[in-house]
Protein backbone atom coordinates (compact mmCIF):
# COMPACT_ATOMS: atom_id res chain seq x y z
CA UNK A 1 15.24 92.86 -3.99
CA UNK A 2 16.95 94.45 -6.98
CA UNK A 3 17.29 92.95 -10.44
CA UNK A 4 21.01 92.30 -9.94
CA UNK A 5 20.36 90.37 -6.75
CA UNK A 6 17.74 88.24 -8.52
CA UNK A 7 20.17 87.47 -11.33
CA UNK A 8 22.88 86.50 -8.85
CA UNK A 9 20.49 84.28 -6.95
CA UNK A 10 19.48 82.48 -10.14
CA UNK A 11 23.10 82.04 -11.13
CA UNK A 12 23.82 80.50 -7.73
CA UNK A 13 20.94 78.03 -8.20
CA UNK A 14 22.14 77.14 -11.67
CA UNK A 15 25.64 76.59 -10.33
CA UNK A 16 24.30 74.28 -7.62
CA UNK A 17 22.27 72.32 -10.17
CA UNK A 18 25.29 72.06 -12.49
CA UNK A 19 27.38 70.85 -9.58
CA UNK A 20 24.83 68.16 -8.79
CA UNK A 21 24.76 67.10 -12.45
CA UNK A 22 28.56 66.94 -12.54
CA UNK A 23 28.62 64.80 -9.39
CA UNK A 24 25.95 62.48 -10.84
CA UNK A 25 27.86 62.18 -14.11
CA UNK A 26 31.05 61.49 -12.20
CA UNK A 27 29.37 58.72 -10.20
CA UNK A 28 27.94 57.22 -13.41
CA UNK A 29 31.42 57.26 -14.96
CA UNK A 30 32.86 55.55 -11.89
CA UNK A 31 30.12 52.92 -11.96
CA UNK A 32 30.69 52.33 -15.69
CA UNK A 33 34.41 51.96 -15.08
CA UNK A 34 33.73 49.43 -12.31
CA UNK A 35 31.20 47.45 -14.35
CA UNK A 36 33.12 47.40 -17.62
CA UNK A 37 35.56 44.63 -16.54
CA UNK A 38 32.71 42.63 -15.04
CA UNK A 39 30.57 42.98 -18.15
CA UNK A 40 33.48 41.95 -20.34
CA UNK A 41 34.13 38.85 -18.18
CA UNK A 42 30.42 37.96 -18.13
CA UNK A 43 30.16 38.38 -21.90
CA UNK A 44 33.18 36.15 -22.51
CA UNK A 45 31.75 33.53 -20.14
CA UNK A 46 28.39 33.70 -21.96
CA UNK A 47 30.12 33.21 -25.29
CA UNK A 48 31.99 30.19 -23.96
CA UNK A 49 28.80 28.64 -22.64
CA UNK A 50 26.96 29.28 -25.90
CA UNK A 51 29.88 27.78 -27.77
CA UNK A 52 29.48 24.54 -25.82
CA UNK A 53 25.81 24.21 -26.81
CA UNK A 54 26.25 25.54 -30.34
CA UNK A 55 25.87 22.09 -31.94
CA UNK A 56 22.77 21.20 -29.88
CA UNK A 57 20.97 24.53 -30.02
CA UNK A 58 19.67 26.46 -32.98
CA UNK A 59 17.69 29.65 -32.97
CA UNK A 60 14.98 27.91 -35.01
CA UNK A 61 14.54 25.44 -32.16
CA UNK A 62 13.96 28.32 -29.76
CA UNK A 63 11.32 29.80 -32.05
CA UNK A 64 9.63 26.40 -32.37
CA UNK A 65 9.63 26.09 -28.58
CA UNK A 66 8.02 29.49 -28.22
CA UNK A 67 5.34 28.63 -30.80
CA UNK A 68 4.58 25.32 -29.10
CA UNK A 69 4.41 27.05 -25.74
CA UNK A 70 1.96 29.62 -27.06
CA UNK A 71 -0.20 26.86 -28.56
CA UNK A 72 -0.18 25.00 -25.25
CA UNK A 73 -1.17 27.95 -23.06
CA UNK A 74 -4.60 26.47 -22.35
CA UNK A 75 -3.13 23.08 -21.49
CA UNK A 76 -0.52 24.69 -19.25
CA UNK A 77 -3.21 26.77 -17.52
CA UNK A 78 -5.33 23.64 -16.97
CA UNK A 79 -2.29 21.75 -15.66
CA UNK A 80 -1.49 24.56 -13.23
CA UNK A 81 -5.10 24.57 -11.98
CA UNK A 82 -4.99 20.81 -11.46
CA UNK A 83 -1.65 21.15 -9.70
CA UNK A 84 -3.21 23.68 -7.38
CA UNK A 85 -6.08 21.26 -6.72
CA UNK A 86 -3.59 18.50 -5.92
CA UNK A 87 -1.71 20.81 -3.56
CA UNK A 88 -4.94 21.71 -1.75
CA UNK A 89 -5.82 17.99 -1.53
CA UNK A 90 -2.41 17.18 -0.12
CA UNK A 91 -2.67 19.99 2.44
CA UNK A 92 -6.06 18.57 3.49
CA UNK A 93 -4.88 14.94 3.68
CA UNK A 94 -1.50 15.57 5.29
CA UNK A 95 -2.85 15.89 8.88
CA UNK A 96 -4.92 12.71 8.38
CA UNK A 97 -1.94 10.81 6.97
CA UNK A 98 0.21 11.83 9.92
CA UNK A 99 -2.16 9.97 12.25
CA UNK A 100 -3.31 7.21 9.88
CA UNK A 101 0.02 6.01 8.49
CA UNK A 102 1.58 5.17 11.91
CA UNK A 103 -1.63 3.32 12.86
CA UNK A 104 -1.48 1.29 9.63
CA UNK A 105 2.18 0.51 10.23
CA UNK A 106 1.41 -0.72 13.75
CA UNK A 107 -1.52 -2.79 12.43
CA UNK A 108 0.55 -4.49 9.72
CA UNK A 109 3.41 -5.01 12.17
CA UNK A 110 0.98 -6.76 14.53
CA UNK A 111 -0.20 -8.99 11.67
CA UNK A 112 3.41 -9.81 10.82
CA UNK A 113 4.23 -10.72 14.42
CA UNK A 114 1.15 -12.98 14.56
CA UNK A 115 2.30 -14.77 11.41
CA UNK A 116 -0.67 -13.77 9.24
CA UNK A 117 1.49 -12.89 6.24
CA UNK A 118 3.51 -16.08 6.57
CA UNK A 119 0.25 -18.05 6.65
CA UNK A 120 -0.96 -16.34 3.48
CA UNK A 121 2.39 -17.05 1.83
CA UNK A 122 2.11 -20.73 2.77
CA UNK A 123 -1.46 -20.85 1.40
CA UNK A 124 -0.30 -19.31 -1.88
CA UNK A 125 2.46 -21.92 -2.05
CA UNK A 126 -0.10 -24.69 -1.53
CA UNK A 127 -2.25 -23.22 -4.31
CA UNK A 128 0.75 -23.07 -6.61
CA UNK A 129 1.56 -26.73 -5.93
CA UNK A 130 -2.09 -27.72 -6.50
CA UNK A 131 -2.17 -25.78 -9.79
CA UNK A 132 1.04 -27.46 -10.91
CA UNK A 133 -0.30 -30.96 -10.17
CA UNK A 134 -3.98 -30.67 -11.09
CA UNK A 135 -5.76 -29.11 -14.03
CA UNK A 136 -8.53 -26.49 -13.87
CA UNK A 137 -11.29 -29.09 -14.29
CA UNK A 138 -9.90 -31.24 -11.47
CA UNK A 139 -9.55 -28.24 -9.18
CA UNK A 140 -13.16 -27.24 -9.99
CA UNK A 141 -14.31 -30.75 -9.04
CA UNK A 142 -12.29 -30.55 -5.85
CA UNK A 143 -14.00 -27.26 -5.11
CA UNK A 144 -17.39 -28.99 -5.06
CA UNK A 145 -16.04 -31.60 -2.68
CA UNK A 146 -14.45 -28.87 -0.56
CA UNK A 147 -17.85 -27.19 -0.19
CA UNK A 148 -19.31 -30.49 1.03
CA UNK A 149 -16.43 -30.87 3.49
CA UNK A 150 -17.12 -27.38 4.79
CA UNK A 151 -20.74 -28.31 5.45
CA UNK A 152 -19.55 -31.44 7.28
CA UNK A 153 -17.08 -29.38 9.32
CA UNK A 154 -19.89 -26.99 10.19
CA UNK A 155 -21.93 -29.91 11.53
CA UNK A 156 -18.91 -31.27 13.39
CA UNK A 157 -18.54 -27.92 15.12
CA UNK A 158 -21.78 -28.56 17.05
CA UNK A 159 -20.93 -28.68 20.78
CA UNK A 160 -22.60 -32.09 21.31
CA UNK A 161 -20.65 -33.67 18.43
CA UNK A 162 -17.43 -32.08 19.63
CA UNK A 163 -17.92 -33.50 23.10
CA UNK A 164 -18.88 -36.94 21.70
CA UNK A 165 -15.81 -37.14 19.43
CA UNK A 166 -13.58 -35.87 22.22
CA UNK A 167 -14.88 -38.60 24.52
CA UNK A 168 -14.29 -41.23 21.81
CA UNK A 169 -10.70 -40.04 21.43
CA UNK A 170 -10.15 -40.36 25.15
CA UNK A 171 -11.28 -44.02 25.26
CA UNK A 172 -8.08 -45.51 23.70
CA UNK A 173 -6.02 -43.52 26.18
CA UNK A 174 -7.92 -45.02 29.09
CA UNK A 175 -7.48 -48.62 27.89
CA UNK A 176 -4.30 -50.44 28.86
CA UNK A 177 -3.79 -53.31 26.38
CA UNK A 178 -1.29 -55.10 28.60
CA UNK A 179 -3.95 -55.48 31.29
CA UNK A 180 -6.58 -56.92 28.91
CA UNK A 181 -7.21 -60.63 29.42
CA UNK A 182 -8.29 -63.05 26.68
CA UNK A 183 -11.91 -64.16 26.99
CA UNK A 184 -14.11 -66.61 25.15
CA UNK A 185 -17.74 -66.45 24.08
CA UNK A 186 -18.99 -67.11 27.59
CA UNK A 187 -16.71 -64.41 28.99
CA UNK A 188 -18.00 -61.97 26.39
CA UNK A 189 -21.59 -62.75 27.37
CA UNK A 190 -20.68 -62.33 31.03
CA UNK A 191 -18.95 -59.05 30.26
CA UNK A 192 -22.11 -57.71 28.67
CA UNK A 193 -23.66 -57.78 32.11
CA UNK A 194 -21.45 -54.82 33.07
CA UNK A 195 -23.45 -51.54 33.19
CA UNK A 196 -20.89 -49.67 31.08
CA UNK A 197 -20.97 -52.44 28.47
CA UNK A 198 -24.76 -52.23 28.40
CA UNK A 199 -24.59 -48.45 27.88
CA UNK A 200 -22.03 -49.01 25.10
CA UNK A 201 -24.34 -51.51 23.41
CA UNK A 202 -27.14 -48.97 23.68
CA UNK A 203 -24.99 -46.31 21.99
CA UNK A 204 -23.99 -48.76 19.26
CA UNK A 205 -27.62 -49.68 18.73
CA UNK A 206 -28.59 -46.04 18.29
CA UNK A 207 -25.72 -45.59 15.83
CA UNK A 208 -26.91 -48.63 13.88
CA UNK A 209 -30.40 -47.21 13.75
CA UNK A 210 -28.99 -43.93 12.48
CA UNK A 211 -27.05 -45.77 9.74
CA UNK A 212 -30.26 -47.51 8.76
CA UNK A 213 -32.05 -44.18 8.40
CA UNK A 214 -29.19 -42.88 6.24
CA UNK A 215 -29.58 -45.85 3.88
CA UNK A 216 -33.35 -45.33 3.64
CA UNK A 217 -32.90 -41.62 2.85
CA UNK A 218 -30.30 -42.45 0.20
CA UNK A 219 -32.65 -44.95 -1.48
CA UNK A 220 -35.54 -42.49 -1.51
């Protein structure tokens, strides 16, 4: 290839490069022309917005905020770490809560249907009435008596005592007063000959003996 051909080839390359640069410049000019109205509108909008906050915003406040933020970097880092820990905890507990919360709701709903909460509310109302009528010392004294009553109720819950009291409660229902006839001393003595009357006297005698033992224990 001759020197002239090399020069022409280089000129052709330079012309192609200049053409590409001209096209790029032309595109940049077109883009600038398209963006100029938008930039002007955005700038005017920014000025309007800044004008609205002009009385509540000062550049010194922004500097103070930046200084405070820089001083609080460690605290912010610690807070972000703790937030991450809380997020991990929530992600761990979420599956458990999905199964536990409905079960708790069903449990409390069952208690509500059985009237447990209403019973507690009534008990609180009774306590409020007792507190309004009696002082702390009187309620404390009642507490001692209540403990004694609980011990008595515990003894009354014995099956033999329950059956005995139940049988005693049935006796008045079995008696018909309109069929009872008046009797005198001789009739009472004759009535004691009845086997049931004899068994009743035996029970009364045992009860009297028990009352006697209670008196002796109280005296000792």
